[in-house]
Amino acid sequence: MNWPRGLFRVWVVASVLWAIGYAGYFWHSCSLQSDGDHWCLTGELNDRIEPLRYFGWRQYLYHLGWAFGVPLLVLLIGSATYAALQWIVIGFRSK
């Protein structure tokens, strides 16, 4: 059994589902106004909403960070955990 390859595939599937889920959350947090603009959460602390067409790079970076940064963080933590466990198990093997 190849644990690293299997866990990586699980991570890929979970990351895609996470990104789709976050995109759905973001889109459903928007509301369509009578003038045709979509007003969405900016991601700032006071839960401010703005028209989507006025979003700046900070708002896009915030939402991209949640969509793709969380899966990358999980990959880094999982890889470090796997390497540490592998190192521990190798330490118990007899020579």
PDB file of N, CA and C in Angstrom:
ATOM      1  N   MET A   1       0.856  -1.177   0.000  1.00  0.00           N
ATOM      2  CA  MET A   1       0.000   0.000   0.000  1.00  0.00           C
ATOM      3  C   MET A   1       0.900   1.238   0.000  1.00  0.00           C
ATOM      4  N   ASN A   2       0.559   2.207  -0.825  1.00  0.00           N
ATOM      5  CA  ASN A   2       1.348   3.433  -0.939  1.00  0.00           C
ATOM      6  C   ASN A   2       0.610   4.567  -0.218  1.00  0.00           C
ATOM      7  N   TRP A   3       0.933   4.767   1.050  1.00  0.00           N
ATOM      8  CA  TRP A   3       0.250   5.775   1.873  1.00  0.00           C
ATOM      9  C   TRP A   3       0.411   7.201   1.349  1.00  0.00           C
ATOM     10  N   PRO A   4       1.605   7.640   0.979  1.00  0.00           N
ATOM     11  CA  PRO A   4       1.737   9.029   0.523  1.00  0.00           C
ATOM     12  C   PRO A   4       0.878   9.337  -0.708  1.00  0.00           C
ATOM     13  N   ARG A   5       0.863   8.425  -1.670  1.00  0.00           N
ATOM     14  CA  ARG A   5       0.070   8.667  -2.877  1.00  0.00           C
ATOM     15  C   ARG A   5      -1.423   8.677  -2.563  1.00  0.00           C
ATOM     16  N   GLY A   6      -1.866   7.747  -1.722  1.00  0.00           N
ATOM     17  CA  GLY A   6      -3.275   7.705  -1.349  1.00  0.00           C
ATOM     18  C   GLY A   6      -3.719   8.938  -0.577  1.00  0.00           C
ATOM     19  N   LEU A   7      -2.891   9.364   0.365  1.00  0.00           N
ATOM     20  CA  LEU A   7      -3.232  10.560   1.141  1.00  0.00           C
ATOM     21  C   LEU A   7      -3.221  11.815   0.275  1.00  0.00           C
ATOM     22  N   PHE A   8      -2.298  11.844  -0.689  1.00  0.00           N
ATOM     23  CA  PHE A   8      -2.269  12.990  -1.599  1.00  0.00           C
ATOM     24  C   PHE A   8      -3.542  13.052  -2.429  1.00  0.00           C
ATOM     25  N   ARG A   9      -4.020  11.912  -2.882  1.00  0.00           N
ATOM     26  CA  ARG A   9      -5.273  11.882  -3.661  1.00  0.00           C
ATOM     27  C   ARG A   9      -6.467  12.311  -2.816  1.00  0.00           C
ATOM     28  N   VAL A  10      -6.480  11.891  -1.571  1.00  0.00           N
ATOM     29  CA  VAL A  10      -7.544  12.346  -0.651  1.00  0.00           C
ATOM     30  C   VAL A  10      -7.470  13.854  -0.501  1.00  0.00           C
ATOM     31  N   TRP A  11      -6.255  14.396  -0.364  1.00  0.00           N
ATOM     32  CA  TRP A  11      -6.081  15.839  -0.223  1.00  0.00           C
ATOM     33  C   TRP A  11      -6.570  16.580  -1.467  1.00  0.00           C
ATOM     34  N   VAL A  12      -6.267  16.048  -2.656  1.00  0.00           N
ATOM     35  CA  VAL A  12      -6.705  16.700  -3.892  1.00  0.00           C
ATOM     36  C   VAL A  12      -8.226  16.763  -3.952  1.00  0.00           C
ATOM     37  N   VAL A  13      -8.885  15.647  -3.670  1.00  0.00           N
ATOM     38  CA  VAL A  13     -10.353  15.616  -3.705  1.00  0.00           C
ATOM     39  C   VAL A  13     -10.937  16.557  -2.654  1.00  0.00           C
ATOM     40  N   ALA A  14     -10.387  16.523  -1.432  1.00  0.00           N
ATOM     41  CA  ALA A  14     -10.892  17.399  -0.373  1.00  0.00           C
ATOM     42  C   ALA A  14     -10.648  18.871  -0.701  1.00  0.00           C
ATOM     43  N   SER A  15      -9.522  19.185  -1.341  1.00  0.00           N
ATOM     44  CA  SER A  15      -9.228  20.576  -1.710  1.00  0.00           C
ATOM     45  C   SER A  15     -10.191  21.092  -2.763  1.00  0.00           C
ATOM     46  N   VAL A  16     -10.499  20.255  -3.744  1.00  0.00           N
ATOM     47  CA  VAL A  16     -11.461  20.659  -4.778  1.00  0.00           C
ATOM     48  C   VAL A  16     -12.832  20.881  -4.162  1.00  0.00           C
ATOM     49  N   LEU A  17     -13.245  19.975  -3.280  1.00  0.00           N
ATOM     50  CA  LEU A  17     -14.543  20.146  -2.613  1.00  0.00           C
ATOM     51  C   LEU A  17     -14.550  21.397  -1.733  1.00  0.00           C
ATOM     52  N   TRP A  18     -13.444  21.669  -1.051  1.00  0.00           N
ATOM     53  CA  TRP A  18     -13.343  22.876  -0.225  1.00  0.00           C
ATOM     54  C   TRP A  18     -13.483  24.133  -1.089  1.00  0.00           C
ATOM     55  N   ALA A  19     -12.764  24.190  -2.210  1.00  0.00           N
ATOM     56  CA  ALA A  19     -12.816  25.369  -3.080  1.00  0.00           C
ATOM     57  C   ALA A  19     -14.214  25.560  -3.651  1.00  0.00           C
ATOM     58  N   ILE A  20     -14.855  24.475  -4.048  1.00  0.00           N
ATOM     59  CA  ILE A  20     -16.231  24.570  -4.564  1.00  0.00           C
ATOM     60  C   ILE A  20     -17.171  25.033  -3.452  1.00  0.00           C
ATOM     61  N   GLY A  21     -17.000  24.481  -2.260  1.00  0.00           N
ATOM     62  CA  GLY A  21     -17.843  24.886  -1.129  1.00  0.00           C
ATOM     63  C   GLY A  21     -17.647  26.347  -0.761  1.00  0.00           C
ATOM     64  N   TYR A  22     -16.396  26.808  -0.764  1.00  0.00           N
ATOM     65  CA  TYR A  22     -16.158  28.213  -0.429  1.00  0.00           C
ATOM     66  C   TYR A  22     -16.714  29.129  -1.511  1.00  0.00           C
ATOM     67  N   ALA A  23     -16.579  28.727  -2.762  1.00  0.00           N
ATOM     68  CA  ALA A  23     -17.157  29.540  -3.842  1.00  0.00           C
ATOM     69  C   ALA A  23     -18.681  29.629  -3.690  1.00  0.00           C
ATOM     70  N   GLY A  24     -19.302  28.515  -3.329  1.00  0.00           N
ATOM     71  CA  GLY A  24     -20.749  28.532  -3.090  1.00  0.00           C
ATOM     72  C   GLY A  24     -21.124  29.408  -1.908  1.00  0.00           C
ATOM     73  N   TYR A  25     -20.342  29.317  -0.831  1.00  0.00           N
ATOM     74  CA  TYR A  25     -20.587  30.168   0.334  1.00  0.00           C
ATOM     75  C   TYR A  25     -20.461  31.643  -0.035  1.00  0.00           C
ATOM     76  N   PHE A  26     -19.393  31.975  -0.773  1.00  0.00           N
ATOM     77  CA  PHE A  26     -19.185  33.366  -1.160  1.00  0.00           C
ATOM     78  C   PHE A  26     -20.328  33.855  -2.044  1.00  0.00           C
ATOM     79  N   TRP A  27     -20.712  33.050  -3.033  1.00  0.00           N
ATOM     80  CA  TRP A  27     -21.752  33.485  -3.951  1.00  0.00           C
ATOM     81  C   TRP A  27     -23.100  33.628  -3.253  1.00  0.00           C
ATOM     82  N   HIS A  28     -23.394  32.733  -2.311  1.00  0.00           N
ATOM     83  CA  HIS A  28     -24.671  32.829  -1.599  1.00  0.00           C
ATOM     84  C   HIS A  28     -24.665  33.922  -0.543  1.00  0.00           C
ATOM     85  N   SER A  29     -23.485  34.452  -0.201  1.00  0.00           N
ATOM     86  CA  SER A  29     -23.448  35.586   0.723  1.00  0.00           C
ATOM     87  C   SER A  29     -23.694  36.900  -0.010  1.00  0.00           C
ATOM     88  N   CYS A  30     -23.719  36.842  -1.332  1.00  0.00           N
ATOM     89  CA  CYS A  30     -23.999  38.034  -2.135  1.00  0.00           C
ATOM     90  C   CYS A  30     -25.505  38.196  -2.324  1.00  0.00           C
ATOM     91  N   SER A  31     -25.917  39.430  -2.511  1.00  0.00           N
ATOM     92  CA  SER A  31     -27.329  39.681  -2.794  1.00  0.00           C
ATOM     93  C   SER A  31     -27.438  40.578  -4.020  1.00  0.00           C
ATOM     94  N   LEU A  32     -28.408  40.299  -4.848  1.00  0.00           N
ATOM     95  CA  LEU A  32     -28.645  41.070  -6.062  1.00  0.00           C
ATOM     96  C   LEU A  32     -29.549  42.248  -5.725  1.00  0.00           C
ATOM     97  N   GLN A  33     -29.076  43.443  -6.023  1.00  0.00           N
ATOM     98  CA  GLN A  33     -29.851  44.654  -5.751  1.00  0.00           C
ATOM     99  C   GLN A  33     -30.705  45.013  -6.971  1.00  0.00           C
ATOM    100  N   SER A  34     -31.592  45.949  -6.795  1.00  0.00           N
ATOM    101  CA  SER A  34     -32.505  46.322  -7.874  1.00  0.00           C
ATOM    102  C   SER A  34     -31.791  46.970  -9.058  1.00  0.00           C
ATOM    103  N   ASP A  35     -30.606  47.557  -8.828  1.00  0.00           N
ATOM    104  CA  ASP A  35     -29.871  48.179  -9.926  1.00  0.00           C
ATOM    105  C   ASP A  35     -29.021  47.175 -10.705  1.00  0.00           C
ATOM    106  N   GLY A  36     -29.067  45.889 -10.331  1.00  0.00           N
ATOM    107  CA  GLY A  36     -28.345  44.851 -11.048  1.00  0.00           C
ATOM    108  C   GLY A  36     -26.978  44.534 -10.489  1.00  0.00           C
ATOM    109  N   ASP A  37     -26.547  45.252  -9.435  1.00  0.00           N
ATOM    110  CA  ASP A  37     -25.250  44.981  -8.821  1.00  0.00           C
ATOM    111  C   ASP A  37     -25.366  43.851  -7.802  1.00  0.00           C
ATOM    112  N   HIS A  38     -24.331  43.052  -7.732  1.00  0.00           N
ATOM    113  CA  HIS A  38     -24.217  42.043  -6.677  1.00  0.00           C
ATOM    114  C   HIS A  38     -23.429  42.657  -5.529  1.00  0.00           C
ATOM    115  N   TRP A  39     -24.016  42.683  -4.350  1.00  0.00           N
ATOM    116  CA  TRP A  39     -23.344  43.186  -3.150  1.00  0.00           C
ATOM    117  C   TRP A  39     -22.870  41.976  -2.360  1.00  0.00           C
ATOM    118  N   CYS A  40     -21.567  41.952  -2.058  1.00  0.00           N
ATOM    119  CA  CYS A  40     -20.961  40.790  -1.406  1.00  0.00           C
ATOM    120  C   CYS A  40     -20.158  41.221  -0.184  1.00  0.00           C
ATOM    121  N   LEU A  41     -19.920  40.254   0.717  1.00  0.00           N
ATOM    122  CA  LEU A  41     -19.075  40.502   1.885  1.00  0.00           C
ATOM    123  C   LEU A  41     -17.652  40.766   1.432  1.00  0.00           C
ATOM    124  N   THR A  42     -17.021  41.755   2.045  1.00  0.00           N
ATOM    125  CA  THR A  42     -15.648  42.095   1.666  1.00  0.00           C
ATOM    126  C   THR A  42     -14.618  41.277   2.422  1.00  0.00           C
ATOM    127  N   GLY A  43     -14.994  40.679   3.534  1.00  0.00           N
ATOM    128  CA  GLY A  43     -14.044  39.926   4.344  1.00  0.00           C
ATOM    129  C   GLY A  43     -13.407  40.765   5.433  1.00  0.00           C
ATOM    130  N   GLU A  44     -13.841  42.001   5.585  1.00  0.00           N
ATOM    131  CA  GLU A  44     -13.294  42.849   6.635  1.00  0.00           C
ATOM    132  C   GLU A  44     -13.979  42.526   7.959  1.00  0.00           C
ATOM    133  N   LEU A  45     -13.406  42.996   9.044  1.00  0.00           N
ATOM    134  CA  LEU A  45     -13.869  42.615  10.374  1.00  0.00           C
ATOM    135  C   LEU A  45     -15.308  43.023  10.673  1.00  0.00           C
ATOM    136  N   ASN A  46     -15.760  44.104  10.123  1.00  0.00           N
ATOM    137  CA  ASN A  46     -17.103  44.582  10.447  1.00  0.00           C
ATOM    138  C   ASN A  46     -18.170  44.032   9.504  1.00  0.00           C
ATOM    139  N   ASP A  47     -17.852  42.978   8.746  1.00  0.00           N
ATOM    140  CA  ASP A  47     -18.791  42.339   7.812  1.00  0.00           C
ATOM    141  C   ASP A  47     -19.421  43.335   6.849  1.00  0.00           C
ATOM    142  N   ARG A  48     -18.578  44.203   6.314  1.00  0.00           N
ATOM    143  CA  ARG A  48     -19.043  45.204   5.360  1.00  0.00           C
ATOM    144  C   ARG A  48     -19.342  44.552   4.016  1.00  0.00           C
ATOM    145  N   ILE A  49     -20.348  45.068   3.332  1.00  0.00           N
ATOM    146  CA  ILE A  49     -20.632  44.582   1.990  1.00  0.00           C
ATOM    147  C   ILE A  49     -20.417  45.722   1.000  1.00  0.00           C
ATOM    148  N   GLU A  50     -19.985  45.352  -0.193  1.00  0.00           N
ATOM    149  CA  GLU A  50     -19.749  46.305  -1.276  1.00  0.00           C
ATOM    150  C   GLU A  50     -20.216  45.695  -2.578  1.00  0.00           C
ATOM    151  N   PRO A  51     -20.455  46.530  -3.583  1.00  0.00           N
ATOM    152  CA  PRO A  51     -20.739  45.961  -4.897  1.00  0.00           C
ATOM    153  C   PRO A  51     -19.525  45.179  -5.400  1.00  0.00           C
ATOM    154  N   LEU A  52     -19.774  44.060  -6.019  1.00  0.00           N
ATOM    155  CA  LEU A  52     -18.699  43.192  -6.488  1.00  0.00           C
ATOM    156  C   LEU A  52     -17.790  43.903  -7.480  1.00  0.00           C
ATOM    157  N   ARG A  53     -18.341  44.810  -8.260  1.00  0.00           N
ATOM    158  CA  ARG A  53     -17.518  45.506  -9.258  1.00  0.00           C
ATOM    159  C   ARG A  53     -16.537  46.489  -8.624  1.00  0.00           C
ATOM    160  N   TYR A  54     -16.718  46.827  -7.341  1.00  0.00           N
ATOM    161  CA  TYR A  54     -15.788  47.721  -6.648  1.00  0.00           C
ATOM    162  C   TYR A  54     -14.775  46.978  -5.787  1.00  0.00           C
ATOM    163  N   PHE A  55     -14.778  45.657  -5.847  1.00  0.00           N
ATOM    164  CA  PHE A  55     -13.810  44.886  -5.060  1.00  0.00           C
ATOM    165  C   PHE A  55     -12.409  45.215  -5.541  1.00  0.00           C
ATOM    166  N   GLY A  56     -11.516  45.409  -4.598  1.00  0.00           N
ATOM    167  CA  GLY A  56     -10.112  45.655  -4.922  1.00  0.00           C
ATOM    168  C   GLY A  56      -9.302  44.384  -4.775  1.00  0.00           C
ATOM    169  N   TRP A  57      -8.004  44.511  -4.945  1.00  0.00           N
ATOM    170  CA  TRP A  57      -7.143  43.335  -4.873  1.00  0.00           C
ATOM    171  C   TRP A  57      -7.125  42.736  -3.477  1.00  0.00           C
ATOM    172  N   ARG A  58      -7.333  43.537  -2.439  1.00  0.00           N
ATOM    173  CA  ARG A  58      -7.329  43.000  -1.072  1.00  0.00           C
ATOM    174  C   ARG A  58      -8.505  42.063  -0.826  1.00  0.00           C
ATOM    175  N   GLN A  59      -9.680  42.435  -1.333  1.00  0.00           N
ATOM    176  CA  GLN A  59     -10.845  41.573  -1.161  1.00  0.00           C
ATOM    177  C   GLN A  59     -10.671  40.258  -1.927  1.00  0.00           C
ATOM    178  N   TYR A  60     -10.163  40.361  -3.153  1.00  0.00           N
ATOM    179  CA  TYR A  60      -9.945  39.138  -3.927  1.00  0.00           C
ATOM    180  C   TYR A  60      -8.877  38.269  -3.276  1.00  0.00           C
ATOM    181  N   LEU A  61      -7.819  38.871  -2.771  1.00  0.00           N
ATOM    182  CA  LEU A  61      -6.755  38.125  -2.118  1.00  0.00           C
ATOM    183  C   LEU A  61      -7.261  37.447  -0.846  1.00  0.00           C
ATOM    184  N   TYR A  62      -8.113  38.135  -0.106  1.00  0.00           N
ATOM    185  CA  TYR A  62      -8.704  37.554   1.101  1.00  0.00           C
ATOM    186  C   TYR A  62      -9.485  36.283   0.765  1.00  0.00           C
ATOM    187  N   HIS A  63     -10.351  36.385  -0.232  1.00  0.00           N
ATOM    188  CA  HIS A  63     -11.187  35.235  -0.587  1.00  0.00           C
ATOM    189  C   HIS A  63     -10.376  34.127  -1.255  1.00  0.00           C
ATOM    190  N   LEU A  64      -9.376  34.472  -2.042  1.00  0.00           N
ATOM    191  CA  LEU A  64      -8.503  33.445  -2.617  1.00  0.00           C
ATOM    192  C   LEU A  64      -7.697  32.748  -1.523  1.00  0.00           C
ATOM    193  N   GLY A  65      -7.322  33.505  -0.501  1.00  0.00           N
ATOM    194  CA  GLY A  65      -6.608  32.909   0.628  1.00  0.00           C
ATOM    195  C   GLY A  65      -7.437  31.860   1.334  1.00  0.00           C
ATOM    196  N   TRP A  66      -8.714  32.131   1.514  1.00  0.00           N
ATOM    197  CA  TRP A  66      -9.582  31.139   2.145  1.00  0.00           C
ATOM    198  C   TRP A  66      -9.830  29.955   1.225  1.00  0.00           C
ATOM    199  N   ALA A  67      -9.987  30.213  -0.053  1.00  0.00           N
ATOM    200  CA  ALA A  67     -10.308  29.128  -0.989  1.00  0.00           C
ATOM    201  C   ALA A  67      -9.114  28.202  -1.227  1.00  0.00           C
ATOM    202  N   PHE A  68      -7.902  28.764  -1.331  1.00  0.00           N
ATOM    203  CA  PHE A  68      -6.745  27.946  -1.680  1.00  0.00           C
ATOM    204  C   PHE A  68      -5.683  27.881  -0.582  1.00  0.00           C
ATOM    205  N   GLY A  69      -5.667  28.848   0.316  1.00  0.00           N
ATOM    206  CA  GLY A  69      -4.678  28.851   1.384  1.00  0.00           C
ATOM    207  C   GLY A  69      -4.933  27.775   2.423  1.00  0.00           C
ATOM    208  N   VAL A  70      -6.184  27.544   2.752  1.00  0.00           N
ATOM    209  CA  VAL A  70      -6.513  26.523   3.745  1.00  0.00           C
ATOM    210  C   VAL A  70      -6.093  25.129   3.259  1.00  0.00           C
ATOM    211  N   PRO A  71      -6.420  24.727   2.019  1.00  0.00           N
ATOM    212  CA  PRO A  71      -5.934  23.419   1.562  1.00  0.00           C
ATOM    213  C   PRO A  71      -4.405  23.322   1.518  1.00  0.00           C
ATOM    214  N   LEU A  72      -3.725  24.395   1.154  1.00  0.00           N
ATOM    215  CA  LEU A  72      -2.264  24.349   1.150  1.00  0.00           C
ATOM    216  C   LEU A  72      -1.711  24.198   2.560  1.00  0.00           C
ATOM    217  N   LEU A  73      -2.328  24.857   3.512  1.00  0.00           N
ATOM    218  CA  LEU A  73      -1.920  24.715   4.902  1.00  0.00           C
ATOM    219  C   LEU A  73      -2.135  23.284   5.395  1.00  0.00           C
ATOM    220  N   VAL A  74      -3.254  22.691   5.017  1.00  0.00           N
ATOM    221  CA  VAL A  74      -3.527  21.301   5.387  1.00  0.00           C
ATOM    222  C   VAL A  74      -2.482  20.374   4.758  1.00  0.00           C
ATOM    223  N   LEU A  75      -2.097  20.636   3.513  1.00  0.00           N
ATOM    224  CA  LEU A  75      -1.064  19.820   2.865  1.00  0.00           C
ATOM    225  C   LEU A  75       0.267  19.929   3.602  1.00  0.00           C
ATOM    226  N   LEU A  76       0.649  21.144   3.978  1.00  0.00           N
ATOM    227  CA  LEU A  76       1.907  21.328   4.689  1.00  0.00           C
ATOM    228  C   LEU A  76       1.900  20.637   6.054  1.00  0.00           C
ATOM    229  N   ILE A  77       0.826  20.791   6.794  1.00  0.00           N
ATOM    230  CA  ILE A  77       0.727  20.160   8.106  1.00  0.00           C
ATOM    231  C   ILE A  77       0.704  18.636   7.967  1.00  0.00           C
ATOM    232  N   GLY A  78      -0.052  18.138   6.993  1.00  0.00           N
ATOM    233  CA  GLY A  78      -0.114  16.691   6.774  1.00  0.00           C
ATOM    234  C   GLY A  78       1.220  16.117   6.354  1.00  0.00           C
ATOM    235  N   SER A  79       1.941  16.808   5.485  1.00  0.00           N
ATOM    236  CA  SER A  79       3.255  16.332   5.050  1.00  0.00           C
ATOM    237  C   SER A  79       4.242  16.311   6.211  1.00  0.00           C
ATOM    238  N   ALA A  80       4.219  17.345   7.020  1.00  0.00           N
ATOM    239  CA  ALA A  80       5.114  17.391   8.172  1.00  0.00           C
ATOM    240  C   ALA A  80       4.769  16.292   9.174  1.00  0.00           C
ATOM    241  N   THR A  81       3.495  16.056   9.384  1.00  0.00           N
ATOM    242  CA  THR A  81       3.071  15.004  10.309  1.00  0.00           C
ATOM    243  C   THR A  81       3.492  13.635   9.796  1.00  0.00           C
ATOM    244  N   TYR A  82       3.300  13.396   8.497  1.00  0.00           N
ATOM    245  CA  TYR A  82       3.699  12.109   7.911  1.00  0.00           C
ATOM    246  C   TYR A  82       5.203  11.904   8.024  1.00  0.00           C
ATOM    247  N   ALA A  83       5.976  12.940   7.745  1.00  0.00           N
ATOM    248  CA  ALA A  83       7.437  12.833   7.839  1.00  0.00           C
ATOM    249  C   ALA A  83       7.863  12.575   9.277  1.00  0.00           C
ATOM    250  N   ALA A  84       7.235  13.239  10.239  1.00  0.00           N
ATOM    251  CA  ALA A  84       7.581  13.035  11.644  1.00  0.00           C
ATOM    252  C   ALA A  84       7.227  11.617  12.091  1.00  0.00           C
ATOM    253  N   LEU A  85       6.056  11.129  11.695  1.00  0.00           N
ATOM    254  CA  LEU A  85       5.668   9.768  12.064  1.00  0.00           C
ATOM    255  C   LEU A  85       6.586   8.740  11.422  1.00  0.00           C
ATOM    256  N   GLN A  86       6.963   8.975  10.194  1.00  0.00           N
ATOM    257  CA  GLN A  86       7.882   8.071   9.502  1.00  0.00           C
ATOM    258  C   GLN A  86       9.238   8.051  10.219  1.00  0.00           C
ATOM    259  N   TRP A  87       9.714   9.180  10.638  1.00  0.00           N
ATOM    260  CA  TRP A  87      10.975   9.285  11.360  1.00  0.00           C
ATOM    261  C   TRP A  87      10.903   8.535  12.689  1.00  0.00           C
ATOM    262  N   ILE A  88       9.760   8.653  13.384  1.00  0.00           N
ATOM    263  CA  ILE A  88       9.583   7.961  14.663  1.00  0.00           C
ATOM    264  C   ILE A  88       9.575   6.452  14.458  1.00  0.00           C
ATOM    265  N   VAL A  89       8.843   5.974  13.454  1.00  0.00           N
ATOM    266  CA  VAL A  89       8.751   4.537  13.197  1.00  0.00           C
ATOM    267  C   VAL A  89      10.116   3.982  12.806  1.00  0.00           C
ATOM    268  N   ILE A  90      10.854   4.703  11.981  1.00  0.00           N
ATOM    269  CA  ILE A  90      12.192   4.250  11.588  1.00  0.00           C
ATOM    270  C   ILE A  90      13.108   4.142  12.807  1.00  0.00           C
ATOM    271  N   GLY A  91      12.916   4.990  13.785  1.00  0.00           N
ATOM    272  CA  GLY A  91      13.726   4.947  15.001  1.00  0.00           C
ATOM    273  C   GLY A  91      13.526   3.700  15.824  1.00  0.00           C
ATOM    274  N   PHE A  92      12.377   3.020  15.694  1.00  0.00           N
ATOM    275  CA  PHE A  92      12.102   1.803  16.457  1.00  0.00           C
ATOM    276  C   PHE A  92      12.527   0.540  15.733  1.00  0.00           C
ATOM    277  N   ARG A  93      12.916   0.633  14.488  1.00  0.00           N
ATOM    278  CA  ARG A  93      13.358  -0.546  13.742  1.00  0.00           C
ATOM    279  C   ARG A  93      14.708  -1.012  14.242  1.00  0.00           C
ATOM    280  N   SER A  94      14.868  -2.330  14.283  1.00  0.00           N
ATOM    281  CA  SER A  94      16.165  -2.880  14.713  1.00  0.00           C
ATOM    282  C   SER A  94      17.132  -2.905  13.535  1.00  0.00           C
ATOM    283  N   LYS A  95      18.389  -2.774  13.835  1.00  0.00           N
ATOM    284  CA  LYS A  95      19.389  -2.733  12.774  1.00  0.00           C
ATOM    285  C   LYS A  95      19.865  -4.111  12.405  1.00  0.00           C
TER     286      LYS A  95
END
